[in-house]
Amino acid sequence: MFTLFLKTELKNIEAHKQSYAVQKQKADMVVKKAQSQCAELMGEPSVLAAIVAAGAFKGATSPNAAQQRKSALTSIAKTGLFNLFH
């Protein structure tokens, strides 16, 4: 009787392991898809132009324009480097 319960529990464990493996594989696929979609989105010229325009507007309307200009140029450079090496 004890081995009967043990066998059913071992079967349950195997079923859960397989379910976990399937879920992990699906999650990995979704993460890769999301990463590629984000990379494609950030690489579009219209998105980069919008980022530059938003930074220029923010820099033009802020009281500390030099600091805003420096941070905007840094973020543009980072975006360009990440797209280059990604």
Protein backbone atom coordinates (compact mmCIF):
# COMPACT_ATOMS: atom_id res chain seq x y z
CA MET A 1 0.00 0.00 0.00
CA PHE A 2 2.87 2.36 0.80
CA THR A 3 4.48 1.73 -2.61
CA LEU A 4 1.19 2.57 -4.32
CA PHE A 5 1.16 6.03 -2.73
CA LEU A 6 4.84 6.44 -3.48
CA LYS A 7 4.35 5.58 -7.15
CA THR A 8 1.50 8.05 -7.52
CA GLU A 9 3.51 10.77 -5.85
CA LEU A 10 6.51 10.06 -8.09
CA LYS A 11 4.22 10.30 -11.13
CA ASN A 12 2.90 13.61 -9.84
CA ILE A 13 6.42 14.89 -9.37
CA GLU A 14 7.36 13.93 -12.94
CA ALA A 15 4.20 15.59 -14.29
CA HIS A 16 5.03 18.79 -12.40
CA LYS A 17 8.63 18.71 -13.66
CA GLN A 18 7.43 18.42 -17.24
CA SER A 19 4.91 21.21 -16.73
CA TYR A 20 7.63 23.42 -15.26
CA ALA A 21 9.94 22.70 -18.19
CA VAL A 22 7.23 23.65 -20.68
CA GLN A 23 6.41 26.85 -18.80
CA LYS A 24 10.08 27.78 -18.56
CA GLN A 25 10.57 27.23 -22.29
CA LYS A 26 7.52 29.37 -23.10
CA ALA A 27 8.72 32.12 -20.76
CA ASP A 28 12.17 32.11 -22.36
CA MET A 29 10.59 32.39 -25.81
CA VAL A 30 8.43 35.31 -24.70
CA VAL A 31 11.42 37.12 -23.18
CA LYS A 32 13.44 36.70 -26.38
CA LYS A 33 10.52 37.94 -28.46
CA ALA A 34 10.06 40.98 -26.22
CA GLN A 35 13.76 41.78 -26.38
CA SER A 36 13.82 41.61 -30.16
CA GLN A 37 10.69 43.75 -30.43
CA CYS A 38 12.21 46.38 -28.12
CA ALA A 39 15.43 46.37 -30.12
CA GLU A 40 13.46 46.83 -33.35
CA LEU A 41 11.40 49.62 -31.84
CA MET A 42 14.42 51.51 -30.49
CA GLY A 43 16.24 51.14 -33.80
CA GLU A 44 13.56 52.92 -35.84
CA PRO A 45 14.56 56.42 -36.92
CA SER A 46 11.16 57.87 -35.99
CA VAL A 47 11.56 56.70 -32.39
CA LEU A 48 15.08 58.09 -32.15
CA ALA A 49 13.89 61.40 -33.64
CA ALA A 50 11.06 61.55 -31.10
CA ILE A 51 13.52 60.93 -28.25
CA VAL A 52 15.77 63.72 -29.52
CA ALA A 53 12.81 66.08 -29.96
CA ALA A 54 11.53 65.35 -26.45
CA GLY A 55 15.00 65.96 -25.03
CA ALA A 56 15.37 69.21 -26.97
CA PHE A 57 12.01 70.44 -25.74
CA LYS A 58 12.83 69.50 -22.17
CA GLY A 59 16.20 71.22 -22.43
CA ALA A 60 14.71 74.36 -23.95
CA THR A 61 12.04 74.76 -21.28
CA SER A 62 14.14 73.96 -18.21
CA PRO A 63 15.98 76.56 -16.13
CA ASN A 64 19.19 74.48 -16.12
CA ALA A 65 19.67 74.11 -19.89
CA ALA A 66 23.36 73.15 -19.82
CA GLN A 67 22.77 70.18 -17.52
CA GLN A 68 19.73 69.05 -19.52
CA ARG A 69 21.71 69.33 -22.76
CA LYS A 70 24.51 67.23 -21.31
CA SER A 71 22.12 64.51 -20.08
CA ALA A 72 20.28 64.50 -23.44
CA LEU A 73 23.52 64.06 -25.37
CA THR A 74 24.59 61.31 -23.00
CA SER A 75 21.31 59.44 -23.43
CA ILE A 76 21.52 59.76 -27.23
CA ALA A 77 25.08 58.43 -27.17
CA LYS A 78 24.07 55.54 -24.92
CA THR A 79 21.16 54.64 -27.20
CA GLY A 80 23.41 54.71 -30.24
CA LEU A 81 26.09 52.58 -28.60
CA PHE A 82 23.57 50.05 -27.31
CA ASN A 83 22.06 49.73 -30.79
CA LEU A 84 25.52 49.37 -32.29
CA PHE A 85 26.73 46.63 -29.95
CA HIS A 86 23.42 44.79 -29.43
